[in-house]
PDB file of all heavy atoms in Angstrom:
ATOM      1  N   LYS A   1       0.820  -1.208  -0.020  1.00  0.00           N
ATOM      2  CA  LYS A   1      -0.001  -0.001   0.016  1.00  0.00           C
ATOM      3  C   LYS A   1       0.888   1.245  -0.003  1.00  0.00           C
ATOM      4  O   LYS A   1       0.671   2.196   0.779  1.00  0.00           O
ATOM      5  CB  LYS A   1      -0.961   0.017   1.168  1.00  0.00           C
ATOM      6  CG  LYS A   1      -2.007  -1.121   1.143  1.00  0.00           C
ATOM      7  CD  LYS A   1      -2.955  -1.058   2.326  1.00  0.00           C
ATOM      8  CE  LYS A   1      -4.079  -2.090   2.176  1.00  0.00           C
ATOM      9  NZ  LYS A   1      -3.577  -3.465   2.076  1.00  0.00           N
ATOM     10  N   THR A   2       1.894   1.211  -0.886  1.00  0.00           N
ATOM     11  CA  THR A   2       2.816   2.324  -1.022  1.00  0.00           C
ATOM     12  C   THR A   2       2.081   3.573  -1.539  1.00  0.00           C
ATOM     13  O   THR A   2       2.497   4.708  -1.209  1.00  0.00           O
ATOM     14  CB  THR A   2       3.974   1.949  -1.943  1.00  0.00           C
ATOM     15  OG1 THR A   2       4.592   0.754  -1.460  1.00  0.00           O
ATOM     16  CG2 THR A   2       4.977   3.062  -2.075  1.00  0.00           C
ATOM     17  N   PHE A   3       1.056   3.365  -2.338  1.00  0.00           N
ATOM     18  CA  PHE A   3       0.268   4.469  -2.818  1.00  0.00           C
ATOM     19  C   PHE A   3      -1.159   4.338  -2.248  1.00  0.00           C
ATOM     20  O   PHE A   3      -1.644   3.235  -2.020  1.00  0.00           O
ATOM     21  CB  PHE A   3       0.183   4.417  -4.352  1.00  0.00           C
ATOM     22  CG  PHE A   3       1.515   4.655  -5.033  1.00  0.00           C
ATOM     23  CD1 PHE A   3       2.315   3.582  -5.335  1.00  0.00           C
ATOM     24  CD2 PHE A   3       1.964   5.958  -5.332  1.00  0.00           C
ATOM     25  CE1 PHE A   3       3.537   3.763  -5.941  1.00  0.00           C
ATOM     26  CE2 PHE A   3       3.182   6.122  -5.938  1.00  0.00           C
ATOM     27  CZ  PHE A   3       4.005   5.030  -6.231  1.00  0.00           C
ATOM     28  N   ILE A   4      -1.780   5.474  -1.999  1.00  0.00           N
ATOM     29  CA  ILE A   4      -3.198   5.498  -1.563  1.00  0.00           C
ATOM     30  C   ILE A   4      -4.008   6.394  -2.511  1.00  0.00           C
ATOM     31  O   ILE A   4      -3.439   7.225  -3.258  1.00  0.00           O
ATOM     32  CB  ILE A   4      -3.262   6.074  -0.139  1.00  0.00           C
ATOM     33  CG1 ILE A   4      -2.716   7.481  -0.062  1.00  0.00           C
ATOM     34  CG2 ILE A   4      -2.545   5.143   0.855  1.00  0.00           C
ATOM     35  CD1 ILE A   4      -2.987   8.176   1.266  1.00  0.00           C
ATOM     36  N   GLU A   5      -5.262   6.217  -2.435  1.00  0.00           N
ATOM     37  CA  GLU A   5      -6.165   7.116  -3.170  1.00  0.00           C
ATOM     38  C   GLU A   5      -6.922   7.901  -2.158  1.00  0.00           C
ATOM     39  O   GLU A   5      -7.592   7.356  -1.243  1.00  0.00           O
ATOM     40  CB  GLU A   5      -7.089   6.379  -4.078  1.00  0.00           C
ATOM     41  CG  GLU A   5      -7.992   7.315  -4.909  1.00  0.00           C
ATOM     42  CD  GLU A   5      -8.799   6.604  -5.976  1.00  0.00           C
ATOM     43  OE1 GLU A   5      -8.485   5.427  -6.273  1.00  0.00           O
ATOM     44  OE2 GLU A   5      -9.731   7.230  -6.478  1.00  0.00           O
ATOM     45  N   HIS A   6      -6.812   9.232  -2.211  1.00  0.00           N
ATOM     46  CA  HIS A   6      -7.486  10.119  -1.246  1.00  0.00           C
ATOM     47  C   HIS A   6      -8.095  11.263  -1.967  1.00  0.00           C
ATOM     48  O   HIS A   6      -7.447  11.907  -2.772  1.00  0.00           O
ATOM     49  CB  HIS A   6      -6.490  10.630  -0.201  1.00  0.00           C
ATOM     50  CG  HIS A   6      -7.098  11.329   0.962  1.00  0.00           C
ATOM     51  ND1 HIS A   6      -7.289  12.699   0.975  1.00  0.00           N
ATOM     52  CD2 HIS A   6      -7.613  10.867   2.140  1.00  0.00           C
ATOM     53  CE1 HIS A   6      -7.858  13.012   2.146  1.00  0.00           C
ATOM     54  NE2 HIS A   6      -8.082  11.913   2.837  1.00  0.00           N
ATOM     55  N   ALA A   7      -9.397  11.446  -1.761  1.00  0.00           N
ATOM     56  CA  ALA A   7     -10.167  12.506  -2.403  1.00  0.00           C
ATOM     57  C   ALA A   7      -9.989  12.445  -3.917  1.00  0.00           C
ATOM     58  O   ALA A   7      -9.869  13.489  -4.613  1.00  0.00           O
ATOM     59  CB  ALA A   7      -9.706  13.894  -1.878  1.00  0.00           C
ATOM     60  N   GLY A   8      -9.982  11.230  -4.449  1.00  0.00           N
ATOM     61  CA  GLY A   8      -9.929  11.045  -5.886  1.00  0.00           C
ATOM     62  C   GLY A   8      -8.561  11.115  -6.519  1.00  0.00           C
ATOM     63  O   GLY A   8      -8.417  11.017  -7.737  1.00  0.00           O
ATOM     64  N   ALA A   9      -7.514  11.304  -5.734  1.00  0.00           N
ATOM     65  CA  ALA A   9      -6.159  11.449  -6.259  1.00  0.00           C
ATOM     66  C   ALA A   9      -5.248  10.337  -5.758  1.00  0.00           C
ATOM     67  O   ALA A   9      -5.216  10.091  -4.559  1.00  0.00           O
ATOM     68  CB  ALA A   9      -5.576  12.798  -5.905  1.00  0.00           C
ATOM     69  N   VAL A  10      -4.567   9.664  -6.679  1.00  0.00           N
ATOM     70  CA  VAL A  10      -3.580   8.656  -6.280  1.00  0.00           C
ATOM     71  C   VAL A  10      -2.292   9.374  -5.836  1.00  0.00           C
ATOM     72  O   VAL A  10      -1.814  10.259  -6.548  1.00  0.00           O
ATOM     73  CB  VAL A  10      -3.277   7.696  -7.438  1.00  0.00           C
ATOM     74  CG1 VAL A  10      -2.188   6.711  -7.057  1.00  0.00           C
ATOM     75  CG2 VAL A  10      -4.534   6.943  -7.837  1.00  0.00           C
ATOM     76  N   GLN A  11      -1.754   8.976  -4.706  1.00  0.00           N
ATOM     77  CA  GLN A  11      -0.603   9.699  -4.128  1.00  0.00           C
ATOM     78  C   GLN A  11       0.220   8.794  -3.198  1.00  0.00           C
ATOM     79  O   GLN A  11      -0.298   7.750  -2.727  1.00  0.00           O
ATOM     80  CB  GLN A  11      -1.078  10.923  -3.359  1.00  0.00           C
ATOM     81  CG  GLN A  11      -2.175  10.590  -2.270  1.00  0.00           C
ATOM     82  CD  GLN A  11      -2.949  11.832  -1.894  1.00  0.00           C
ATOM     83  OE1 GLN A  11      -2.505  12.591  -1.073  1.00  0.00           O
ATOM     84  NE2 GLN A  11      -4.150  11.962  -2.479  1.00  0.00           N
ATOM     85  N   PRO A  12       1.439   9.168  -2.912  1.00  0.00           N
ATOM     86  CA  PRO A  12       2.252   8.363  -1.998  1.00  0.00           C
ATOM     87  C   PRO A  12       1.614   8.302  -0.612  1.00  0.00           C
ATOM     88  O   PRO A  12       1.101   9.301  -0.132  1.00  0.00           O
ATOM     89  CB  PRO A  12       3.609   9.094  -2.006  1.00  0.00           C
ATOM     90  CG  PRO A  12       3.649   9.904  -3.244  1.00  0.00           C
ATOM     91  CD  PRO A  12       2.214  10.289  -3.483  1.00  0.00           C
ATOM     92  N   ALA A  13       1.715   7.164   0.010  1.00  0.00           N
ATOM     93  CA  ALA A  13       1.231   7.025   1.383  1.00  0.00           C
ATOM     94  C   ALA A  13       2.189   7.701   2.332  1.00  0.00           C
ATOM     95  O   ALA A  13       3.369   7.913   2.016  1.00  0.00           O
ATOM     96  CB  ALA A  13       1.079   5.549   1.743  1.00  0.00           C
ATOM     97  N   PRO A  14       1.732   8.060   3.571  1.00  0.00           N
ATOM     98  CA  PRO A  14       2.652   8.629   4.538  1.00  0.00           C
ATOM     99  C   PRO A  14       3.830   7.705   4.831  1.00  0.00           C
ATOM    100  O   PRO A  14       3.707   6.479   4.859  1.00  0.00           O
ATOM    101  CB  PRO A  14       1.759   8.776   5.781  1.00  0.00           C
ATOM    102  CG  PRO A  14       0.412   8.962   5.232  1.00  0.00           C
ATOM    103  CD  PRO A  14       0.341   8.045   4.031  1.00  0.00           C
ATOM    104  N   ALA A  15       4.978   8.282   4.966  1.00  0.00           N
ATOM    105  CA  ALA A  15       6.214   7.518   5.287  1.00  0.00           C
ATOM    106  C   ALA A  15       7.061   8.319   6.267  1.00  0.00           C
ATOM    107  O   ALA A  15       7.015   9.573   6.244  1.00  0.00           O
ATOM    108  CB  ALA A  15       7.017   7.276   3.988  1.00  0.00           C
ATOM    109  N   PRO A  16       7.824   7.640   7.122  1.00  0.00           N
ATOM    110  CA  PRO A  16       7.922   6.209   7.318  1.00  0.00           C
ATOM    111  C   PRO A  16       6.723   5.664   8.037  1.00  0.00           C
ATOM    112  O   PRO A  16       5.813   6.435   8.419  1.00  0.00           O
ATOM    113  CB  PRO A  16       9.182   6.035   8.122  1.00  0.00           C
ATOM    114  CG  PRO A  16       9.257   7.293   8.935  1.00  0.00           C
ATOM    115  CD  PRO A  16       8.744   8.356   8.058  1.00  0.00           C
ATOM    116  N   ARG A  17       6.696   4.351   8.289  1.00  0.00           N
ATOM    117  CA  ARG A  17       5.517   3.683   8.861  1.00  0.00           C
ATOM    118  C   ARG A  17       5.747   3.417  10.343  1.00  0.00           C
ATOM    119  O   ARG A  17       6.880   3.082  10.765  1.00  0.00           O
ATOM    120  CB  ARG A  17       5.221   2.430   8.135  1.00  0.00           C
ATOM    121  CG  ARG A  17       5.025   2.682   6.643  1.00  0.00           C
ATOM    122  CD  ARG A  17       4.635   1.445   5.893  1.00  0.00           C
ATOM    123  NE  ARG A  17       4.562   1.703   4.475  1.00  0.00           N
ATOM    124  CZ  ARG A  17       3.904   0.895   3.638  1.00  0.00           C
ATOM    125  NH1 ARG A  17       3.297  -0.186   4.045  1.00  0.00           N
ATOM    126  NH2 ARG A  17       3.856   1.205   2.320  1.00  0.00           N
ATOM    127  N   PHE A  18       4.720   3.497  11.117  1.00  0.00           N
ATOM    128  CA  PHE A  18       4.762   3.245  12.563  1.00  0.00           C
ATOM    129  C   PHE A  18       3.679   2.185  12.885  1.00  0.00           C
ATOM    130  O   PHE A  18       2.552   2.315  12.431  1.00  0.00           O
ATOM    131  CB  PHE A  18       4.483   4.500  13.369  1.00  0.00           C
ATOM    132  CG  PHE A  18       5.513   5.614  13.192  1.00  0.00           C
ATOM    133  CD1 PHE A  18       5.522   6.393  12.047  1.00  0.00           C
ATOM    134  CD2 PHE A  18       6.479   5.805  14.155  1.00  0.00           C
ATOM    135  CE1 PHE A  18       6.474   7.356  11.866  1.00  0.00           C
ATOM    136  CE2 PHE A  18       7.474   6.809  13.990  1.00  0.00           C
ATOM    137  CZ  PHE A  18       7.428   7.573  12.852  1.00  0.00           C
ATOM    138  N   ASP A  19       4.037   1.147  13.624  1.00  0.00           N
ATOM    139  CA  ASP A  19       3.100   0.062  13.875  1.00  0.00           C
ATOM    140  C   ASP A  19       2.051   0.388  14.906  1.00  0.00           C
ATOM    141  O   ASP A  19       0.918  -0.110  14.877  1.00  0.00           O
ATOM    142  CB  ASP A  19       3.818  -1.222  14.226  1.00  0.00           C
ATOM    143  CG  ASP A  19       4.516  -1.152  15.586  1.00  0.00           C
ATOM    144  OD1 ASP A  19       4.709  -0.035  16.132  1.00  0.00           O
ATOM    145  OD2 ASP A  19       4.894  -2.214  16.096  1.00  0.00           O
ATOM    146  N   ARG A  20       2.352   1.284  15.806  1.00  0.00           N
ATOM    147  CA  ARG A  20       1.415   1.608  16.870  1.00  0.00           C
ATOM    148  C   ARG A  20       0.723   2.969  16.649  1.00  0.00           C
ATOM    149  O   ARG A  20      -0.485   3.112  17.023  1.00  0.00           O
ATOM    150  CB  ARG A  20       2.140   1.625  18.269  1.00  0.00           C
ATOM    151  CG  ARG A  20       1.199   1.808  19.435  1.00  0.00           C
ATOM    152  CD  ARG A  20       1.928   1.591  20.746  1.00  0.00           C
ATOM    153  NE  ARG A  20       3.175   2.381  20.860  1.00  0.00           N
ATOM    154  CZ  ARG A  20       3.149   3.679  21.250  1.00  0.00           C
ATOM    155  NH1 ARG A  20       2.032   4.286  21.526  1.00  0.00           N
ATOM    156  NH2 ARG A  20       4.310   4.348  21.324  1.00  0.00           N
ATOM    157  N   THR A  21       1.367   3.935  16.108  1.00  0.00           N
ATOM    158  CA  THR A  21       0.779   5.212  15.873  1.00  0.00           C
ATOM    159  C   THR A  21       0.982   5.612  14.397  1.00  0.00           C
ATOM    160  O   THR A  21       1.779   6.444  14.069  1.00  0.00           O
ATOM    161  CB  THR A  21       1.436   6.303  16.756  1.00  0.00           C
ATOM    162  OG1 THR A  21       2.855   6.325  16.509  1.00  0.00           O
ATOM    163  CG2 THR A  21       1.177   6.028  18.204  1.00  0.00           C
ATOM    164  N   PRO A  22       0.292   4.925  13.479  1.00  0.00           N
ATOM    165  CA  PRO A  22       0.509   5.112  12.071  1.00  0.00           C
ATOM    166  C   PRO A  22       0.092   6.524  11.622  1.00  0.00           C
ATOM    167  O   PRO A  22      -0.778   7.163  12.174  1.00  0.00           O
ATOM    168  CB  PRO A  22      -0.401   4.074  11.399  1.00  0.00           C
ATOM    169  CG  PRO A  22      -1.490   3.833  12.410  1.00  0.00           C
ATOM    170  CD  PRO A  22      -0.812   3.920  13.757  1.00  0.00           C
ATOM    171  N   GLY A  23       0.768   7.007  10.564  1.00  0.00           N
ATOM    172  CA  GLY A  23       0.431   8.250   9.945  1.00  0.00           C
ATOM    173  C   GLY A  23      -0.830   8.153   9.173  1.00  0.00           C
ATOM    174  O   GLY A  23      -1.332   7.051   8.892  1.00  0.00           O
ATOM    175  N   ASN A  24      -1.344   9.291   8.736  1.00  0.00           N
ATOM    176  CA  ASN A  24      -2.652   9.309   8.031  1.00  0.00           C
ATOM    177  C   ASN A  24      -2.811  10.616   7.269  1.00  0.00           C
ATOM    178  O   ASN A  24      -2.300  11.679   7.710  1.00  0.00           O
ATOM    179  CB  ASN A  24      -3.813   9.107   9.039  1.00  0.00           C
ATOM    180  CG  ASN A  24      -5.132   8.995   8.330  1.00  0.00           C
ATOM    181  OD1 ASN A  24      -5.227   8.313   7.286  1.00  0.00           O
ATOM    182  ND2 ASN A  24      -6.150   9.573   8.899  1.00  0.00           N
ATOM    183  N   VAL A  25      -3.467  10.538   6.098  1.00  0.00           N
ATOM    184  CA  VAL A  25      -3.824  11.749   5.402  1.00  0.00           C
ATOM    185  C   VAL A  25      -5.209  12.165   5.836  1.00  0.00           C
ATOM    186  O   VAL A  25      -6.193  11.437   5.598  1.00  0.00           O
ATOM    187  CB  VAL A  25      -3.794  11.556   3.878  1.00  0.00           C
ATOM    188  CG1 VAL A  25      -4.186  12.798   3.105  1.00  0.00           C
ATOM    189  CG2 VAL A  25      -2.420  11.075   3.431  1.00  0.00           C
ATOM    190  N   THR A  26      -5.325  13.274   6.492  1.00  0.00           N
ATOM    191  CA  THR A  26      -6.586  13.719   7.083  1.00  0.00           C
ATOM    192  C   THR A  26      -7.448  14.539   6.170  1.00  0.00           C
ATOM    193  O   THR A  26      -8.684  14.453   6.198  1.00  0.00           O
ATOM    194  CB  THR A  26      -6.344  14.470   8.370  1.00  0.00           C
ATOM    195  OG1 THR A  26      -5.496  15.604   8.121  1.00  0.00           O
ATOM    196  CG2 THR A  26      -5.674  13.579   9.399  1.00  0.00           C
ATOM    197  N   LEU A  27      -6.840  15.390   5.357  1.00  0.00           N
ATOM    198  CA  LEU A  27      -7.582  16.333   4.520  1.00  0.00           C
ATOM    199  C   LEU A  27      -6.984  16.389   3.134  1.00  0.00           C
ATOM    200  O   LEU A  27      -5.778  16.262   2.965  1.00  0.00           O
ATOM    201  CB  LEU A  27      -7.516  17.771   5.111  1.00  0.00           C
ATOM    202  CG  LEU A  27      -8.245  18.036   6.427  1.00  0.00           C
ATOM    203  CD1 LEU A  27      -7.828  19.432   6.914  1.00  0.00           C
ATOM    204  CD2 LEU A  27      -9.727  17.962   6.244  1.00  0.00           C
ATOM    205  N   PRO A  28      -7.823  16.536   2.103  1.00  0.00           N
ATOM    206  CA  PRO A  28      -7.289  16.832   0.749  1.00  0.00           C
ATOM    207  C   PRO A  28      -6.743  18.263   0.718  1.00  0.00           C
ATOM    208  O   PRO A  28      -6.987  19.027   1.669  1.00  0.00           O
ATOM    209  CB  PRO A  28      -8.538  16.691  -0.105  1.00  0.00           C
ATOM    210  CG  PRO A  28      -9.667  17.093   0.742  1.00  0.00           C
ATOM    211  CD  PRO A  28      -9.319  16.574   2.112  1.00  0.00           C
ATOM    212  N   PRO A  29      -6.003  18.622  -0.293  1.00  0.00           N
ATOM    213  CA  PRO A  29      -5.546  20.023  -0.414  1.00  0.00           C
ATOM    214  C   PRO A  29      -6.705  20.983  -0.306  1.00  0.00           C
ATOM    215  O   PRO A  29      -7.724  20.796  -0.965  1.00  0.00           O
ATOM    216  CB  PRO A  29      -4.873  20.022  -1.773  1.00  0.00           C
ATOM    217  CG  PRO A  29      -4.489  18.650  -2.061  1.00  0.00           C
ATOM    218  CD  PRO A  29      -5.580  17.821  -1.460  1.00  0.00           C
ATOM    219  N   ARG A  30      -6.545  21.993   0.498  1.00  0.00           N
ATOM    220  CA  ARG A  30      -7.623  22.959   0.711  1.00  0.00           C
ATOM    221  C   ARG A  30      -7.379  24.266  -0.108  1.00  0.00           C
ATOM    222  O   ARG A  30      -6.270  24.634  -0.354  1.00  0.00           O
ATOM    223  CB  ARG A  30      -7.655  23.381   2.199  1.00  0.00           C
ATOM    224  CG  ARG A  30      -7.787  22.225   3.154  1.00  0.00           C
ATOM    225  CD  ARG A  30      -9.170  21.638   3.149  1.00  0.00           C
ATOM    226  NE  ARG A  30     -10.080  22.475   3.920  1.00  0.00           N
ATOM    227  CZ  ARG A  30     -11.409  22.342   3.855  1.00  0.00           C
ATOM    228  NH1 ARG A  30     -11.967  21.500   3.035  1.00  0.00           N
ATOM    229  NH2 ARG A  30     -12.173  23.144   4.599  1.00  0.00           N
ATOM    230  N   ARG A  31      -8.470  24.875  -0.528  1.00  0.00           N
ATOM    231  CA  ARG A  31      -8.354  26.154  -1.225  1.00  0.00           C
ATOM    232  C   ARG A  31      -7.799  27.165  -0.246  1.00  0.00           C
ATOM    233  O   ARG A  31      -8.094  27.125   0.990  1.00  0.00           O
ATOM    234  CB  ARG A  31      -9.708  26.606  -1.729  1.00  0.00           C
ATOM    235  CG  ARG A  31     -10.230  25.795  -2.906  1.00  0.00           C
ATOM    236  CD  ARG A  31     -11.461  26.449  -3.462  1.00  0.00           C
ATOM    237  NE  ARG A  31     -12.034  25.649  -4.545  1.00  0.00           N
ATOM    238  CZ  ARG A  31     -13.051  26.045  -5.297  1.00  0.00           C
ATOM    239  NH1 ARG A  31     -13.633  27.197  -5.057  1.00  0.00           N
ATOM    240  NH2 ARG A  31     -13.542  25.276  -6.309  1.00  0.00           N
ATOM    241  N   PRO A  32      -7.013  28.113  -0.702  1.00  0.00           N
ATOM    242  CA  PRO A  32      -6.504  29.162   0.160  1.00  0.00           C
ATOM    243  C   PRO A  32      -7.598  29.866   0.886  1.00  0.00           C
ATOM    244  O   PRO A  32      -8.584  30.301   0.331  1.00  0.00           O
ATOM    245  CB  PRO A  32      -5.783  30.112  -0.775  1.00  0.00           C
ATOM    246  CG  PRO A  32      -5.367  29.237  -1.945  1.00  0.00           C
ATOM    247  CD  PRO A  32      -6.493  28.264  -2.128  1.00  0.00           C
ATOM    248  N   GLY A  33      -7.469  29.875   2.247  1.00  0.00           N
ATOM    249  CA  GLY A  33      -8.448  30.573   3.047  1.00  0.00           C
ATOM    250  C   GLY A  33      -9.700  29.833   3.354  1.00  0.00           C
ATOM    251  O   GLY A  33     -10.618  30.330   3.998  1.00  0.00           O
ATOM    252  N   ALA A  34      -9.759  28.537   3.000  1.00  0.00           N
ATOM    253  CA  ALA A  34     -10.970  27.750   3.167  1.00  0.00           C
ATOM    254  C   ALA A  34     -11.353  27.629   4.622  1.00  0.00           C
ATOM    255  O   ALA A  34     -12.514  27.433   4.961  1.00  0.00           O
ATOM    256  CB  ALA A  34     -10.848  26.378   2.556  1.00  0.00           C
ATOM    257  N   ASP A  35     -10.387  27.717   5.535  1.00  0.00           N
ATOM    258  CA  ASP A  35     -10.623  27.448   6.948  1.00  0.00           C
ATOM    259  C   ASP A  35     -10.357  28.691   7.815  1.00  0.00           C
ATOM    260  O   ASP A  35     -10.142  28.543   9.023  1.00  0.00           O
ATOM    261  CB  ASP A  35      -9.778  26.275   7.382  1.00  0.00           C
ATOM    262  CG  ASP A  35      -9.893  25.117   6.502  1.00  0.00           C
ATOM    263  OD1 ASP A  35     -10.978  24.418   6.491  1.00  0.00           O
ATOM    264  OD2 ASP A  35      -8.940  24.800   5.748  1.00  0.00           O
ATOM    265  N   THR A  36     -10.346  29.839   7.217  1.00  0.00           N
ATOM    266  CA  THR A  36      -9.943  31.062   7.917  1.00  0.00           C
ATOM    267  C   THR A  36     -10.770  31.249   9.181  1.00  0.00           C
ATOM    268  O   THR A  36     -10.229  31.392  10.289  1.00  0.00           O
ATOM    269  CB  THR A  36     -10.070  32.286   7.031  1.00  0.00           C
ATOM    270  OG1 THR A  36      -9.150  32.175   5.941  1.00  0.00           O
ATOM    271  CG2 THR A  36      -9.738  33.575   7.812  1.00  0.00           C
ATOM    272  N   ASP A  37     -12.078  31.203   9.069  1.00  0.00           N
ATOM    273  CA  ASP A  37     -12.926  31.478  10.265  1.00  0.00           C
ATOM    274  C   ASP A  37     -12.724  30.448  11.327  1.00  0.00           C
ATOM    275  O   ASP A  37     -12.591  30.794  12.502  1.00  0.00           O
ATOM    276  CB  ASP A  37     -14.400  31.492   9.837  1.00  0.00           C
ATOM    277  CG  ASP A  37     -14.756  32.782   9.079  1.00  0.00           C
ATOM    278  OD1 ASP A  37     -13.831  33.563   8.750  1.00  0.00           O
ATOM    279  OD2 ASP A  37     -15.952  32.957   8.729  1.00  0.00           O
ATOM    280  N   ALA A  38     -12.679  29.167  10.907  1.00  0.00           N
ATOM    281  CA  ALA A  38     -12.513  28.073  11.890  1.00  0.00           C
ATOM    282  C   ALA A  38     -11.144  28.177  12.619  1.00  0.00           C
ATOM    283  O   ALA A  38     -11.084  27.992  13.841  1.00  0.00           O
ATOM    284  CB  ALA A  38     -12.642  26.699  11.217  1.00  0.00           C
ATOM    285  N   VAL A  39     -10.089  28.478  11.870  1.00  0.00           N
ATOM    286  CA  VAL A  39      -8.780  28.577  12.464  1.00  0.00           C
ATOM    287  C   VAL A  39      -8.707  29.730  13.482  1.00  0.00           C
ATOM    288  O   VAL A  39      -8.185  29.595  14.574  1.00  0.00           O
ATOM    289  CB  VAL A  39      -7.719  28.699  11.375  1.00  0.00           C
ATOM    290  CG1 VAL A  39      -6.374  29.112  11.979  1.00  0.00           C
ATOM    291  CG2 VAL A  39      -7.535  27.423  10.614  1.00  0.00           C
ATOM    292  N   LEU A  40      -9.221  30.884  13.037  1.00  0.00           N
ATOM    293  CA  LEU A  40      -9.158  32.052  13.934  1.00  0.00           C
ATOM    294  C   LEU A  40     -10.049  31.873  15.156  1.00  0.00           C
ATOM    295  O   LEU A  40      -9.676  32.272  16.259  1.00  0.00           O
ATOM    296  CB  LEU A  40      -9.576  33.321  13.151  1.00  0.00           C
ATOM    297  CG  LEU A  40      -8.650  33.718  11.995  1.00  0.00           C
ATOM    298  CD1 LEU A  40      -9.150  35.028  11.367  1.00  0.00           C
ATOM    299  CD2 LEU A  40      -7.245  33.832  12.421  1.00  0.00           C
ATOM    300  N   ASP A  41     -11.186  31.233  14.952  1.00  0.00           N
ATOM    301  CA  ASP A  41     -12.066  31.006  16.106  1.00  0.00           C
ATOM    302  C   ASP A  41     -11.400  30.082  17.126  1.00  0.00           C
ATOM    303  O   ASP A  41     -11.421  30.363  18.319  1.00  0.00           O
ATOM    304  CB  ASP A  41     -13.385  30.356  15.616  1.00  0.00           C
ATOM    305  CG  ASP A  41     -14.323  30.029  16.731  1.00  0.00           C
ATOM    306  OD1 ASP A  41     -14.856  30.966  17.355  1.00  0.00           O
ATOM    307  OD2 ASP A  41     -14.479  28.822  17.021  1.00  0.00           O
TER     308      ASP A  41
END
């Protein structure tokens, strides 16, 4: 599972790998300023 598909895009998986606390892709690329209000709040 070297590559993953996230939000419709094939991309490299997080590296390196951890057996107990694995990495993860949480969000697709965001438009500039998409989270301004939430971040400032």
